[in-house]
Amino acid sequence: MARLTGPDDLHARPHAESRRSVTFGGLAISYGPSVLPPRDWTTAQSEWACQLLRDLPGGPILELCAGGGQIGLLAATVSGRQLVAVDLNPDAAACTRENALRAGIPHLVDVRCCDMESALTEHEAYPLILADPPWVPHGRIGDFPEDPPSAIDGGDDGLRLARACVRVIDEHLRPDGAALLQLGSGKQVDQLRRDLSAEGRDLAITDHRRYPRGELVLLERDR
């Protein structure tokens, strides 16, 4: 059920005059001054998601650190699945609502503006989870002066938010589900593998694809 209204709608148009818009996989995507502009290469995450959905059980897509929502919205538009989009930033949540309307699928989209670790009820489980956390190491955010710092700062090693995403994935991914996580480098992928092994989670990286601007990893239950 779409949830396009709520208390945080008071923030829905705080920066409407400074919105910008780009085309992302055929969708018109609006983003505000505190939202990371969509990167063309990340349509690969939407495309991979749609490929996976052909063989995954029914149910909605969950997107963590959704930003303007473009990756999840593209996957939802193509697949016809519902989308739960989570982001702590009210401007990002407002953009996702606006972009869902532009895409013609507001009835499929549930936008939750809150911390991802409190966004879901205990019993929610998803066949597909997308996670697009900030992954730039804190010491390097100055290398990207045009990007909002809060949208790219991944902490000391760039994995602070990615680790939080993994915790949520572990708690809310169906046993037969899959998750696609965006990272910034092969070094981060290797560190995440070590983290998963050290923590004893039943999640494993089962596939890894490298792109010029980032990395995508497939996480599945370790059967």
N, C-alpha and C. Protein backbone atom coordinates (compact mmCIF):
# COMPACT_ATOMS: atom_id res chain seq x y z
N MET A 1 0.85 -1.20 0.00
CA MET A 1 0.00 0.00 0.00
C MET A 1 0.88 1.24 0.00
N ALA A 2 0.60 2.16 -0.92
CA ALA A 2 1.43 3.36 -1.02
C ALA A 2 1.20 4.25 0.19
N ARG A 3 2.29 4.88 0.64
CA ARG A 3 2.21 5.79 1.76
C ARG A 3 2.89 7.07 1.35
N LEU A 4 2.14 7.93 0.63
CA LEU A 4 2.73 9.12 0.06
C LEU A 4 2.40 10.37 0.87
N THR A 5 1.77 10.19 2.02
CA THR A 5 1.52 11.32 2.89
C THR A 5 1.92 10.94 4.30
N GLY A 6 2.14 11.93 5.13
CA GLY A 6 2.53 11.68 6.51
C GLY A 6 3.18 12.90 7.09
N PRO A 7 3.62 12.84 8.35
CA PRO A 7 4.20 14.01 9.00
C PRO A 7 5.37 14.60 8.25
N ASP A 8 6.17 13.74 7.64
CA ASP A 8 7.35 14.29 6.97
C ASP A 8 7.02 14.95 5.66
N ASP A 9 5.72 14.92 5.24
CA ASP A 9 5.33 15.66 4.05
C ASP A 9 5.44 17.17 4.26
N LEU A 10 5.55 17.58 5.53
CA LEU A 10 5.81 18.99 5.78
C LEU A 10 7.11 19.42 5.12
N HIS A 11 7.99 18.43 4.87
CA HIS A 11 9.29 18.71 4.25
C HIS A 11 9.25 18.49 2.74
N ALA A 12 8.07 18.21 2.19
CA ALA A 12 8.00 17.72 0.81
C ALA A 12 8.51 18.75 -0.19
N ARG A 13 8.39 20.05 0.12
CA ARG A 13 8.79 21.05 -0.86
C ARG A 13 9.73 22.12 -0.29
N PRO A 14 10.61 21.76 0.65
CA PRO A 14 11.43 22.81 1.24
C PRO A 14 12.42 23.40 0.27
N HIS A 15 12.81 22.64 -0.73
CA HIS A 15 13.80 23.12 -1.69
C HIS A 15 13.27 22.99 -3.11
N ALA A 16 11.94 23.11 -3.28
CA ALA A 16 11.35 22.88 -4.59
C ALA A 16 11.97 23.79 -5.64
N GLU A 17 12.32 25.03 -5.21
CA GLU A 17 12.87 25.98 -6.18
C GLU A 17 14.26 25.58 -6.64
N SER A 18 14.95 24.69 -5.90
CA SER A 18 16.31 24.31 -6.27
C SER A 18 16.38 22.86 -6.76
N ARG A 19 15.25 22.25 -7.05
CA ARG A 19 15.23 20.90 -7.60
C ARG A 19 15.90 20.89 -8.98
N ARG A 20 16.57 19.79 -9.26
CA ARG A 20 17.08 19.53 -10.60
C ARG A 20 16.51 18.20 -11.07
N SER A 21 16.56 17.96 -12.37
CA SER A 21 15.97 16.74 -12.90
C SER A 21 16.88 16.15 -13.97
N VAL A 22 16.99 14.83 -13.97
CA VAL A 22 17.77 14.12 -14.98
C VAL A 22 16.96 12.91 -15.44
N THR A 23 17.38 12.32 -16.53
CA THR A 23 16.76 11.09 -17.02
C THR A 23 17.59 9.91 -16.54
N PHE A 24 16.92 8.93 -15.97
CA PHE A 24 17.58 7.76 -15.42
C PHE A 24 16.85 6.53 -15.93
N GLY A 25 17.44 5.82 -16.87
CA GLY A 25 16.81 4.63 -17.42
C GLY A 25 15.44 4.90 -18.00
N GLY A 26 15.23 6.09 -18.53
CA GLY A 26 13.94 6.44 -19.11
C GLY A 26 13.00 7.15 -18.15
N LEU A 27 13.35 7.21 -16.86
CA LEU A 27 12.52 7.90 -15.88
C LEU A 27 13.04 9.32 -15.67
N ALA A 28 12.12 10.26 -15.46
CA ALA A 28 12.49 11.63 -15.09
C ALA A 28 12.66 11.65 -13.58
N ILE A 29 13.88 11.90 -13.12
CA ILE A 29 14.20 11.83 -11.70
C ILE A 29 14.59 13.21 -11.18
N SER A 30 13.86 13.66 -10.16
CA SER A 30 14.13 14.93 -9.51
C SER A 30 14.98 14.70 -8.26
N TYR A 31 15.92 15.61 -8.00
CA TYR A 31 16.73 15.50 -6.78
C TYR A 31 16.98 16.89 -6.22
N GLY A 32 17.07 16.95 -4.89
CA GLY A 32 17.26 18.21 -4.21
C GLY A 32 18.71 18.47 -3.85
N PRO A 33 19.00 19.59 -3.20
CA PRO A 33 20.38 19.99 -2.94
C PRO A 33 21.12 19.08 -1.97
N SER A 34 20.40 18.33 -1.13
CA SER A 34 21.08 17.43 -0.20
C SER A 34 21.02 15.98 -0.65
N VAL A 35 20.59 15.76 -1.90
CA VAL A 35 20.43 14.41 -2.45
C VAL A 35 21.48 14.19 -3.53
N LEU A 36 22.12 13.03 -3.50
CA LEU A 36 23.15 12.73 -4.50
C LEU A 36 22.52 12.64 -5.89
N PRO A 37 23.06 13.38 -6.87
CA PRO A 37 22.53 13.25 -8.23
C PRO A 37 22.64 11.82 -8.73
N PRO A 38 21.63 11.32 -9.45
CA PRO A 38 21.70 9.95 -9.98
C PRO A 38 22.91 9.75 -10.88
N ARG A 39 23.56 8.60 -10.71
CA ARG A 39 24.68 8.22 -11.57
C ARG A 39 24.18 7.25 -12.62
N ASP A 40 24.50 7.52 -13.88
CA ASP A 40 24.01 6.67 -14.97
C ASP A 40 24.37 5.20 -14.78
N TRP A 41 25.58 4.94 -14.27
CA TRP A 41 26.04 3.55 -14.20
C TRP A 41 25.17 2.72 -13.26
N THR A 42 24.50 3.38 -12.31
CA THR A 42 23.73 2.62 -11.33
C THR A 42 22.43 2.05 -11.89
N THR A 43 22.10 2.39 -13.15
CA THR A 43 21.00 1.66 -13.79
C THR A 43 21.32 0.16 -13.84
N ALA A 44 22.62 -0.17 -13.77
CA ALA A 44 23.02 -1.58 -13.76
C ALA A 44 22.44 -2.31 -12.55
N GLN A 45 22.30 -1.60 -11.42
CA GLN A 45 21.72 -2.24 -10.23
C GLN A 45 20.24 -2.53 -10.46
N SER A 46 19.53 -1.58 -11.08
CA SER A 46 18.12 -1.81 -11.42
C SER A 46 17.97 -2.97 -12.39
N GLU A 47 18.83 -3.01 -13.40
CA GLU A 47 18.74 -4.08 -14.41
C GLU A 47 19.03 -5.44 -13.80
N TRP A 48 20.05 -5.51 -12.95
CA TRP A 48 20.38 -6.77 -12.28
C TRP A 48 19.21 -7.19 -11.38
N ALA A 49 18.62 -6.21 -10.69
CA ALA A 49 17.48 -6.50 -9.83
C ALA A 49 16.34 -7.13 -10.63
N CYS A 50 16.05 -6.58 -11.79
CA CYS A 50 14.95 -7.11 -12.61
C CYS A 50 15.26 -8.52 -13.09
N GLN A 51 16.51 -8.79 -13.40
CA GLN A 51 16.89 -10.15 -13.79
C GLN A 51 16.66 -11.12 -12.64
N LEU A 52 17.06 -10.73 -11.43
CA LEU A 52 16.88 -11.59 -10.27
C LEU A 52 15.41 -11.82 -9.96
N LEU A 53 14.59 -10.80 -10.13
CA LEU A 53 13.18 -10.90 -9.77
C LEU A 53 12.44 -11.95 -10.58
N ARG A 54 12.94 -12.28 -11.75
CA ARG A 54 12.29 -13.31 -12.56
C ARG A 54 12.23 -14.66 -11.84
N ASP A 55 13.22 -14.90 -10.98
CA ASP A 55 13.31 -16.19 -10.30
C ASP A 55 13.05 -16.10 -8.80
N LEU A 56 12.79 -14.91 -8.30
CA LEU A 56 12.55 -14.74 -6.87
C LEU A 56 11.06 -14.85 -6.55
N PRO A 57 10.73 -15.19 -5.31
CA PRO A 57 9.31 -15.28 -4.93
C PRO A 57 8.65 -13.91 -4.96
N GLY A 58 7.33 -13.91 -4.86
CA GLY A 58 6.57 -12.67 -4.88
C GLY A 58 6.84 -11.81 -3.65
N GLY A 59 6.45 -10.55 -3.77
CA GLY A 59 6.62 -9.62 -2.66
C GLY A 59 7.30 -8.35 -3.11
N PRO A 60 7.27 -7.33 -2.27
CA PRO A 60 7.83 -6.03 -2.64
C PRO A 60 9.35 -6.01 -2.59
N ILE A 61 9.90 -5.00 -3.25
CA ILE A 61 11.32 -4.68 -3.19
C ILE A 61 11.55 -3.72 -2.03
N LEU A 62 12.61 -3.91 -1.30
CA LEU A 62 13.03 -2.96 -0.27
C LEU A 62 14.30 -2.26 -0.75
N GLU A 63 14.30 -0.93 -0.69
CA GLU A 63 15.51 -0.17 -1.02
C GLU A 63 15.95 0.64 0.20
N LEU A 64 17.19 0.42 0.64
CA LEU A 64 17.78 1.13 1.76
C LEU A 64 18.70 2.23 1.26
N CYS A 65 18.77 3.34 2.00
CA CYS A 65 19.56 4.50 1.56
C CYS A 65 19.13 4.89 0.15
N ALA A 66 17.83 5.09 -0.02
CA ALA A 66 17.25 5.19 -1.35
C ALA A 66 17.59 6.48 -2.08
N GLY A 67 17.96 7.55 -1.35
CA GLY A 67 18.20 8.82 -2.04
C GLY A 67 16.93 9.28 -2.73
N GLY A 68 17.05 9.65 -4.00
CA GLY A 68 15.88 10.05 -4.77
C GLY A 68 15.03 8.90 -5.25
N GLY A 69 15.44 7.67 -4.92
CA GLY A 69 14.62 6.50 -5.21
C GLY A 69 14.75 5.92 -6.60
N GLN A 70 15.66 6.47 -7.42
CA GLN A 70 15.67 6.11 -8.83
C GLN A 70 15.96 4.64 -9.09
N ILE A 71 16.85 4.03 -8.32
CA ILE A 71 17.22 2.63 -8.58
C ILE A 71 16.05 1.71 -8.30
N GLY A 72 15.42 1.89 -7.16
CA GLY A 72 14.26 1.08 -6.83
C GLY A 72 13.06 1.38 -7.71
N LEU A 73 12.85 2.66 -8.05
CA LEU A 73 11.72 3.01 -8.90
C LEU A 73 11.84 2.41 -10.29
N LEU A 74 13.06 2.40 -10.83
CA LEU A 74 13.24 1.79 -12.15
C LEU A 74 12.94 0.30 -12.10
N ALA A 75 13.42 -0.37 -11.04
CA ALA A 75 13.15 -1.80 -10.90
C ALA A 75 11.65 -2.06 -10.70
N ALA A 76 10.98 -1.21 -9.93
CA ALA A 76 9.55 -1.39 -9.69
C ALA A 76 8.74 -1.12 -10.95
N THR A 77 9.16 -0.12 -11.72
CA THR A 77 8.45 0.20 -12.96
C THR A 77 8.52 -0.95 -13.95
N VAL A 78 9.70 -1.54 -14.08
CA VAL A 78 9.88 -2.63 -15.04
C VAL A 78 9.20 -3.90 -14.56
N SER A 79 9.31 -4.20 -13.26
CA SER A 79 8.81 -5.48 -12.74
C SER A 79 7.35 -5.44 -12.31
N GLY A 80 6.82 -4.25 -12.05
CA GLY A 80 5.46 -4.14 -11.54
C GLY A 80 5.33 -4.47 -10.07
N ARG A 81 6.46 -4.61 -9.37
CA ARG A 81 6.43 -4.93 -7.95
C ARG A 81 6.26 -3.66 -7.12
N GLN A 82 5.78 -3.84 -5.90
CA GLN A 82 5.75 -2.74 -4.95
C GLN A 82 7.17 -2.44 -4.47
N LEU A 83 7.36 -1.21 -3.99
CA LEU A 83 8.66 -0.75 -3.52
C LEU A 83 8.50 -0.08 -2.16
N VAL A 84 9.31 -0.50 -1.21
CA VAL A 84 9.45 0.20 0.06
C VAL A 84 10.80 0.91 0.02
N ALA A 85 10.78 2.24 0.03
CA ALA A 85 12.01 3.04 -0.09
C ALA A 85 12.28 3.74 1.23
N VAL A 86 13.48 3.54 1.77
CA VAL A 86 13.84 4.06 3.09
C VAL A 86 15.01 5.01 2.97
N ASP A 87 14.86 6.20 3.55
CA ASP A 87 15.98 7.13 3.65
C ASP A 87 15.73 8.07 4.82
N LEU A 88 16.79 8.41 5.52
CA LEU A 88 16.69 9.28 6.70
C LEU A 88 16.50 10.74 6.33
N ASN A 89 16.89 11.13 5.14
CA ASN A 89 16.88 12.52 4.70
C ASN A 89 15.47 12.92 4.22
N PRO A 90 14.82 13.90 4.86
CA PRO A 90 13.48 14.30 4.41
C PRO A 90 13.44 14.79 2.97
N ASP A 91 14.50 15.45 2.52
CA ASP A 91 14.55 15.92 1.14
C ASP A 91 14.58 14.74 0.17
N ALA A 92 15.35 13.70 0.52
CA ALA A 92 15.39 12.50 -0.31
C ALA A 92 14.03 11.82 -0.35
N ALA A 93 13.37 11.71 0.80
CA ALA A 93 12.05 11.08 0.85
C ALA A 93 11.05 11.86 0.00
N ALA A 94 11.11 13.20 0.07
CA ALA A 94 10.22 14.03 -0.74
C ALA A 94 10.48 13.82 -2.23
N CYS A 95 11.75 13.72 -2.60
CA CYS A 95 12.09 13.48 -4.01
C CYS A 95 11.58 12.13 -4.47
N THR A 96 11.70 11.10 -3.63
CA THR A 96 11.20 9.78 -4.01
C THR A 96 9.70 9.82 -4.25
N ARG A 97 8.96 10.50 -3.39
CA ARG A 97 7.52 10.63 -3.59
C ARG A 97 7.22 11.32 -4.92
N GLU A 98 7.92 12.41 -5.17
CA GLU A 98 7.73 13.15 -6.42
C GLU A 98 8.08 12.27 -7.62
N ASN A 99 9.16 11.53 -7.51
CA ASN A 99 9.59 10.69 -8.64
C ASN A 99 8.65 9.52 -8.86
N ALA A 100 8.05 9.00 -7.79
CA ALA A 100 7.05 7.94 -7.95
C ALA A 100 5.85 8.46 -8.72
N LEU A 101 5.43 9.68 -8.42
CA LEU A 101 4.32 10.29 -9.15
C LEU A 101 4.69 10.49 -10.61
N ARG A 102 5.90 10.99 -10.85
CA ARG A 102 6.34 11.20 -12.23
C ARG A 102 6.38 9.90 -13.02
N ALA A 103 6.76 8.81 -12.33
CA ALA A 103 6.85 7.51 -13.00
C ALA A 103 5.49 6.85 -13.18
N GLY A 104 4.47 7.42 -12.57
CA GLY A 104 3.12 6.87 -12.70
C GLY A 104 2.87 5.66 -11.82
N ILE A 105 3.68 5.49 -10.74
CA ILE A 105 3.49 4.32 -9.88
C ILE A 105 3.37 4.70 -8.39
N PRO A 106 2.71 5.80 -8.06
CA PRO A 106 2.62 6.15 -6.63
C PRO A 106 1.90 5.08 -5.82
N HIS A 107 1.01 4.33 -6.47
CA HIS A 107 0.27 3.27 -5.78
C HIS A 107 1.15 2.09 -5.40
N LEU A 108 2.34 2.02 -5.99
CA LEU A 108 3.25 0.90 -5.70
C LEU A 108 4.32 1.26 -4.67
N VAL A 109 4.38 2.52 -4.24
CA VAL A 109 5.54 3.00 -3.50
C VAL A 109 5.17 3.42 -2.07
N ASP A 110 5.91 2.87 -1.13
CA ASP A 110 5.80 3.20 0.29
C ASP A 110 7.11 3.85 0.71
N VAL A 111 7.09 5.16 0.97
CA VAL A 111 8.29 5.90 1.33
C VAL A 111 8.35 6.04 2.84
N ARG A 112 9.45 5.63 3.44
CA ARG A 112 9.62 5.70 4.89
C ARG A 112 10.83 6.57 5.21
N CYS A 113 10.57 7.72 5.79
CA CYS A 113 11.62 8.67 6.12
C CYS A 113 12.03 8.46 7.57
N CYS A 114 13.03 7.64 7.78
CA CYS A 114 13.51 7.34 9.13
C CYS A 114 14.80 6.54 9.02
N ASP A 115 15.42 6.31 10.17
CA ASP A 115 16.61 5.47 10.23
C ASP A 115 16.26 4.07 9.74
N MET A 116 17.12 3.50 8.90
CA MET A 116 16.78 2.21 8.30
C MET A 116 16.63 1.10 9.33
N GLU A 117 17.33 1.21 10.44
CA GLU A 117 17.27 0.14 11.43
C GLU A 117 15.99 0.20 12.27
N SER A 118 15.21 1.26 12.11
CA SER A 118 13.91 1.34 12.78
C SER A 118 12.76 1.46 11.80
N ALA A 119 13.05 1.31 10.52
CA ALA A 119 12.04 1.53 9.48
C ALA A 119 11.10 0.35 9.29
N LEU A 120 11.52 -0.83 9.73
CA LEU A 120 10.79 -2.05 9.41
C LEU A 120 10.27 -2.72 10.67
N THR A 121 9.13 -3.37 10.54
CA THR A 121 8.63 -4.15 11.67
C THR A 121 9.36 -5.48 11.74
N GLU A 122 9.28 -6.09 12.89
CA GLU A 122 10.04 -7.32 13.15
C GLU A 122 9.76 -8.41 12.13
N HIS A 123 8.54 -8.49 11.65
CA HIS A 123 8.14 -9.63 10.81
C HIS A 123 8.20 -9.33 9.31
N GLU A 124 8.66 -8.15 8.92
CA GLU A 124 8.77 -7.85 7.49
C GLU A 124 9.95 -8.61 6.88
N ALA A 125 9.69 -9.30 5.77
CA ALA A 125 10.74 -10.04 5.05
C ALA A 125 10.54 -9.80 3.56
N TYR A 126 11.65 -9.64 2.86
CA TYR A 126 11.61 -9.23 1.45
C TYR A 126 12.37 -10.21 0.58
N PRO A 127 11.86 -10.45 -0.65
CA PRO A 127 12.58 -11.32 -1.57
C PRO A 127 13.78 -10.64 -2.21
N LEU A 128 13.72 -9.31 -2.30
CA LEU A 128 14.84 -8.56 -2.90
C LEU A 128 15.05 -7.27 -2.11
N ILE A 129 16.30 -7.04 -1.71
CA ILE A 129 16.68 -5.81 -1.02
C ILE A 129 17.79 -5.13 -1.81
N LEU A 130 17.59 -3.86 -2.10
CA LEU A 130 18.61 -3.03 -2.73
C LEU A 130 19.18 -2.10 -1.67
N ALA A 131 20.48 -1.90 -1.68
CA ALA A 131 21.11 -1.02 -0.71
C ALA A 131 22.14 -0.16 -1.42
N ASP A 132 22.00 1.15 -1.25
CA ASP A 132 22.82 2.11 -1.98
C ASP A 132 23.45 3.11 -1.02
N PRO A 133 24.23 2.63 -0.05
CA PRO A 133 24.74 3.51 0.99
C PRO A 133 25.87 4.41 0.50
N PRO A 134 26.10 5.53 1.20
CA PRO A 134 27.32 6.31 0.93
C PRO A 134 28.55 5.43 1.17
N TRP A 135 29.53 5.49 0.26
CA TRP A 135 30.69 4.62 0.42
C TRP A 135 32.04 5.33 0.24
N VAL A 136 32.02 6.66 0.21
CA VAL A 136 33.28 7.40 0.11
C VAL A 136 33.90 7.48 1.51
N PRO A 137 35.16 7.06 1.69
CA PRO A 137 35.81 7.24 3.00
C PRO A 137 35.78 8.69 3.43
N HIS A 138 35.57 8.92 4.72
CA HIS A 138 35.40 10.28 5.23
C HIS A 138 36.55 11.20 4.82
N GLY A 139 37.77 10.68 4.84
CA GLY A 139 38.93 11.50 4.50
C GLY A 139 38.99 11.92 3.05
N ARG A 140 38.10 11.34 2.20
CA ARG A 140 38.14 11.66 0.77
C ARG A 140 36.91 12.43 0.29
N ILE A 141 36.00 12.78 1.18
CA ILE A 141 34.78 13.46 0.69
C ILE A 141 35.12 14.82 0.08
N GLY A 142 36.24 15.42 0.49
CA GLY A 142 36.66 16.68 -0.12
C GLY A 142 37.05 16.55 -1.58
N ASP A 143 37.27 15.31 -2.04
CA ASP A 143 37.60 15.08 -3.46
C ASP A 143 36.38 15.26 -4.35
N PHE A 144 35.20 15.37 -3.74
CA PHE A 144 33.95 15.46 -4.51
C PHE A 144 33.15 16.67 -4.04
N PRO A 145 33.66 17.87 -4.30
CA PRO A 145 33.06 19.09 -3.74
C PRO A 145 31.65 19.37 -4.22
N GLU A 146 31.24 18.80 -5.34
CA GLU A 146 29.90 19.07 -5.86
C GLU A 146 28.85 18.13 -5.28
N ASP A 147 29.28 17.12 -4.54
CA ASP A 147 28.33 16.17 -3.95
C ASP A 147 28.02 16.56 -2.51
N PRO A 148 26.76 16.40 -2.08
CA PRO A 148 26.42 16.69 -0.69
C PRO A 148 27.20 15.77 0.25
N PRO A 149 27.96 16.30 1.20
CA PRO A 149 28.78 15.44 2.07
C PRO A 149 28.00 14.34 2.76
N SER A 150 26.80 14.65 3.24
CA SER A 150 26.03 13.64 3.97
C SER A 150 25.58 12.50 3.07
N ALA A 151 25.54 12.74 1.76
CA ALA A 151 25.08 11.71 0.82
C ALA A 151 26.20 10.79 0.35
N ILE A 152 27.46 11.14 0.68
CA ILE A 152 28.57 10.30 0.21
C ILE A 152 29.48 9.81 1.33
N ASP A 153 29.34 10.36 2.54
CA ASP A 153 30.27 10.06 3.63
C ASP A 153 29.98 8.68 4.22
N GLY A 154 30.91 7.75 3.97
CA GLY A 154 30.75 6.39 4.46
C GLY A 154 31.56 6.06 5.69
N GLY A 155 32.07 7.08 6.37
CA GLY A 155 32.87 6.83 7.57
C GLY A 155 34.32 6.54 7.24
N ASP A 156 35.08 6.11 8.24
CA ASP A 156 36.53 5.98 8.11
C ASP A 156 36.96 5.16 6.90
N ASP A 157 36.33 4.00 6.68
CA ASP A 157 36.72 3.15 5.56
C ASP A 157 35.66 3.10 4.47
N GLY A 158 34.65 3.94 4.57
CA GLY A 158 33.59 3.98 3.58
C GLY A 158 32.53 2.91 3.76
N LEU A 159 32.62 2.12 4.81
CA LEU A 159 31.70 0.99 4.98
C LEU A 159 30.75 1.13 6.17
N ARG A 160 30.74 2.28 6.82
CA ARG A 160 29.91 2.42 8.02
C ARG A 160 28.43 2.18 7.70
N LEU A 161 27.92 2.83 6.68
CA LEU A 161 26.51 2.65 6.32
C LEU A 161 26.28 1.31 5.63
N ALA A 162 27.28 0.84 4.88
CA ALA A 162 27.15 -0.48 4.24
C ALA A 162 26.97 -1.57 5.28
N ARG A 163 27.72 -1.46 6.39
CA ARG A 163 27.59 -2.47 7.46
C ARG A 163 26.19 -2.40 8.09
N ALA A 164 25.67 -1.19 8.23
CA ALA A 164 24.31 -1.06 8.76
C ALA A 164 23.30 -1.69 7.80
N CYS A 165 23.53 -1.49 6.50
CA CYS A 165 22.65 -2.13 5.51
C CYS A 165 22.70 -3.65 5.63
N VAL A 166 23.90 -4.20 5.82
CA VAL A 166 24.04 -5.65 5.93
C VAL A 166 23.27 -6.16 7.14
N ARG A 167 23.30 -5.43 8.24
CA ARG A 167 22.53 -5.85 9.43
C ARG A 167 21.04 -5.91 9.12
N VAL A 168 20.54 -4.89 8.42
CA VAL A 168 19.12 -4.87 8.07
C VAL A 168 18.80 -5.99 7.08
N ILE A 169 19.68 -6.19 6.11
CA ILE A 169 19.49 -7.28 5.16
C ILE A 169 19.42 -8.61 5.89
N ASP A 170 20.33 -8.83 6.81
CA ASP A 170 20.36 -10.09 7.54
C ASP A 170 19.05 -10.32 8.31
N GLU A 171 18.47 -9.26 8.83
CA GLU A 171 17.25 -9.38 9.62
C GLU A 171 15.99 -9.50 8.77
N HIS A 172 16.01 -8.99 7.52
CA HIS A 172 14.76 -8.87 6.77
C HIS A 172 14.77 -9.51 5.38
N LEU A 173 15.83 -10.20 5.03
CA LEU A 173 15.87 -10.90 3.74
C LEU A 173 15.26 -12.28 3.91
N ARG A 174 14.37 -12.65 2.99
CA ARG A 174 13.79 -13.98 3.02
C ARG A 174 14.87 -15.04 2.84
N PRO A 175 14.64 -16.25 3.33
CA PRO A 175 15.64 -17.31 3.17
C PRO A 175 15.99 -17.58 1.71
N ASP A 176 15.01 -17.39 0.83
CA ASP A 176 15.23 -17.62 -0.59
C ASP A 176 15.37 -16.32 -1.38
N GLY A 177 15.73 -15.24 -0.68
CA GLY A 177 15.84 -13.94 -1.32
C GLY A 177 17.25 -13.59 -1.74
N ALA A 178 17.39 -12.36 -2.23
CA ALA A 178 18.69 -11.85 -2.69
C ALA A 178 18.77 -10.37 -2.39
N ALA A 179 20.00 -9.89 -2.21
CA ALA A 179 20.23 -8.47 -1.96
C ALA A 179 21.35 -7.98 -2.86
N LEU A 180 21.20 -6.76 -3.36
CA LEU A 180 22.23 -6.12 -4.17
C LEU A 180 22.72 -4.89 -3.42
N LEU A 181 24.00 -4.88 -3.12
CA LEU A 181 24.63 -3.81 -2.35
C LEU A 181 25.65 -3.09 -3.21
N GLN A 182 25.59 -1.76 -3.19
CA GLN A 182 26.54 -0.94 -3.94
C GLN A 182 27.70 -0.53 -3.05
N LEU A 183 28.92 -0.73 -3.55
CA LEU A 183 30.14 -0.32 -2.85
C LEU A 183 31.02 0.48 -3.80
N GLY A 184 32.16 0.94 -3.27
CA GLY A 184 32.99 1.83 -4.08
C GLY A 184 34.25 1.24 -4.66
N SER A 185 34.72 0.11 -4.11
CA SER A 185 36.00 -0.42 -4.57
C SER A 185 36.10 -1.90 -4.28
N GLY A 186 37.03 -2.56 -4.99
CA GLY A 186 37.30 -3.96 -4.71
C GLY A 186 37.83 -4.16 -3.30
N LYS A 187 38.57 -3.20 -2.78
CA LYS A 187 39.06 -3.27 -1.41
C LYS A 187 37.91 -3.34 -0.43
N GLN A 188 36.86 -2.56 -0.66
CA GLN A 188 35.69 -2.61 0.21
C GLN A 188 34.96 -3.95 0.09
N VAL A 189 34.89 -4.49 -1.10
CA VAL A 189 34.27 -5.80 -1.29
C VAL A 189 35.03 -6.85 -0.49
N ASP A 190 36.35 -6.83 -0.57
CA ASP A 190 37.16 -7.80 0.18
C ASP A 190 36.97 -7.64 1.69
N GLN A 191 36.87 -6.38 2.15
CA GLN A 191 36.67 -6.16 3.58
C GLN A 191 35.30 -6.66 4.02
N LEU A 192 34.29 -6.45 3.18
CA LEU A 192 32.96 -6.95 3.53
C LEU A 192 32.95 -8.47 3.62
N ARG A 193 33.67 -9.12 2.73
CA ARG A 193 33.77 -10.59 2.80
C ARG A 193 34.37 -11.00 4.15
N ARG A 194 35.42 -10.31 4.55
CA ARG A 194 36.04 -10.63 5.83
C ARG A 194 35.09 -10.37 6.99
N ASP A 195 34.33 -9.27 6.90
CA ASP A 195 33.36 -8.96 7.94
C ASP A 195 32.31 -10.06 8.07
N LEU A 196 31.79 -10.50 6.95
CA LEU A 196 30.75 -11.53 6.96
C LEU A 196 31.28 -12.82 7.57
N SER A 197 32.51 -13.15 7.24
CA SER A 197 33.11 -14.37 7.78
C SER A 197 33.34 -14.24 9.28
N ALA A 198 33.85 -13.09 9.71
CA ALA A 198 34.17 -12.89 11.12
C ALA A 198 32.91 -12.84 11.99
N GLU A 199 31.83 -12.30 11.43
CA GLU A 199 30.60 -12.14 12.21
C GLU A 199 29.75 -13.40 12.21
N GLY A 200 30.07 -14.36 11.36
CA GLY A 200 29.32 -15.60 11.33
C GLY A 200 27.91 -15.46 10.81
N ARG A 201 27.65 -14.46 10.01
CA ARG A 201 26.31 -14.30 9.43
C ARG A 201 26.08 -15.38 8.38
N ASP A 202 24.80 -15.69 8.13
CA ASP A 202 24.51 -16.68 7.10
C ASP A 202 24.30 -16.01 5.74
N LEU A 203 24.94 -14.86 5.57
CA LEU A 203 24.96 -14.16 4.29
C LEU A 203 26.32 -14.36 3.64
N ALA A 204 26.31 -14.47 2.32
CA ALA A 204 27.56 -14.61 1.58
C ALA A 204 27.49 -13.81 0.30
N ILE A 205 28.63 -13.29 -0.14
CA ILE A 205 28.72 -12.65 -1.45
C ILE A 205 28.83 -13.76 -2.49
N THR A 206 27.80 -13.89 -3.30
CA THR A 206 27.77 -14.96 -4.29
C THR A 206 28.07 -14.49 -5.71
N ASP A 207 28.12 -13.18 -5.91
CA ASP A 207 28.49 -12.63 -7.21
C ASP A 207 28.97 -11.20 -6.99
N HIS A 208 29.81 -10.72 -7.90
CA HIS A 208 30.42 -9.41 -7.76
C HIS A 208 30.68 -8.86 -9.15
N ARG A 209 30.17 -7.66 -9.41
CA ARG A 209 30.36 -7.04 -10.72
C ARG A 209 31.02 -5.67 -10.53
N ARG A 210 32.04 -5.43 -11.33
CA ARG A 210 32.82 -4.19 -11.23
C ARG A 210 32.44 -3.26 -12.37
N TYR A 211 32.28 -1.98 -12.04
CA TYR A 211 31.97 -0.95 -13.02
C TYR A 211 32.98 0.18 -12.86
N PRO A 212 33.11 1.07 -13.88
CA PRO A 212 34.11 2.12 -13.78
C PRO A 212 33.97 3.02 -12.56
N ARG A 213 32.73 3.20 -12.07
CA ARG A 213 32.51 4.12 -10.95
C ARG A 213 32.17 3.44 -9.64
N GLY A 214 32.09 2.11 -9.61
CA GLY A 214 31.71 1.44 -8.38
C GLY A 214 31.60 -0.05 -8.53
N GLU A 215 31.12 -0.70 -7.49
CA GLU A 215 31.02 -2.16 -7.44
C GLU A 215 29.62 -2.55 -6.99
N LEU A 216 29.12 -3.67 -7.50
CA LEU A 216 27.86 -4.24 -7.04
C LEU A 216 28.13 -5.66 -6.56
N VAL A 217 27.58 -6.00 -5.40
CA VAL A 217 27.73 -7.36 -4.90
C VAL A 217 26.35 -7.95 -4.65
N LEU A 218 26.25 -9.24 -4.94
CA LEU A 218 25.03 -9.99 -4.68
C LEU A 218 25.21 -10.75 -3.37
N LEU A 219 24.28 -10.54 -2.46
CA LEU A 219 24.29 -11.23 -1.17
C LEU A 219 23.11 -12.19 -1.12
N GLU A 220 23.41 -13.43 -0.72
CA GLU A 220 22.37 -14.44 -0.56
C GLU A 220 22.62 -15.20 0.73
N ARG A 221 21.60 -15.90 1.20
CA ARG A 221 21.78 -16.74 2.37
C ARG A 221 22.78 -17.84 2.08
N ASP A 222 23.66 -18.06 3.02
CA ASP A 222 24.69 -19.09 2.88
C ASP A 222 24.07 -20.44 3.19
N ARG A 223 23.69 -21.17 2.14
CA ARG A 223 22.95 -22.43 2.31
C ARG A 223 23.91 -23.58 2.53
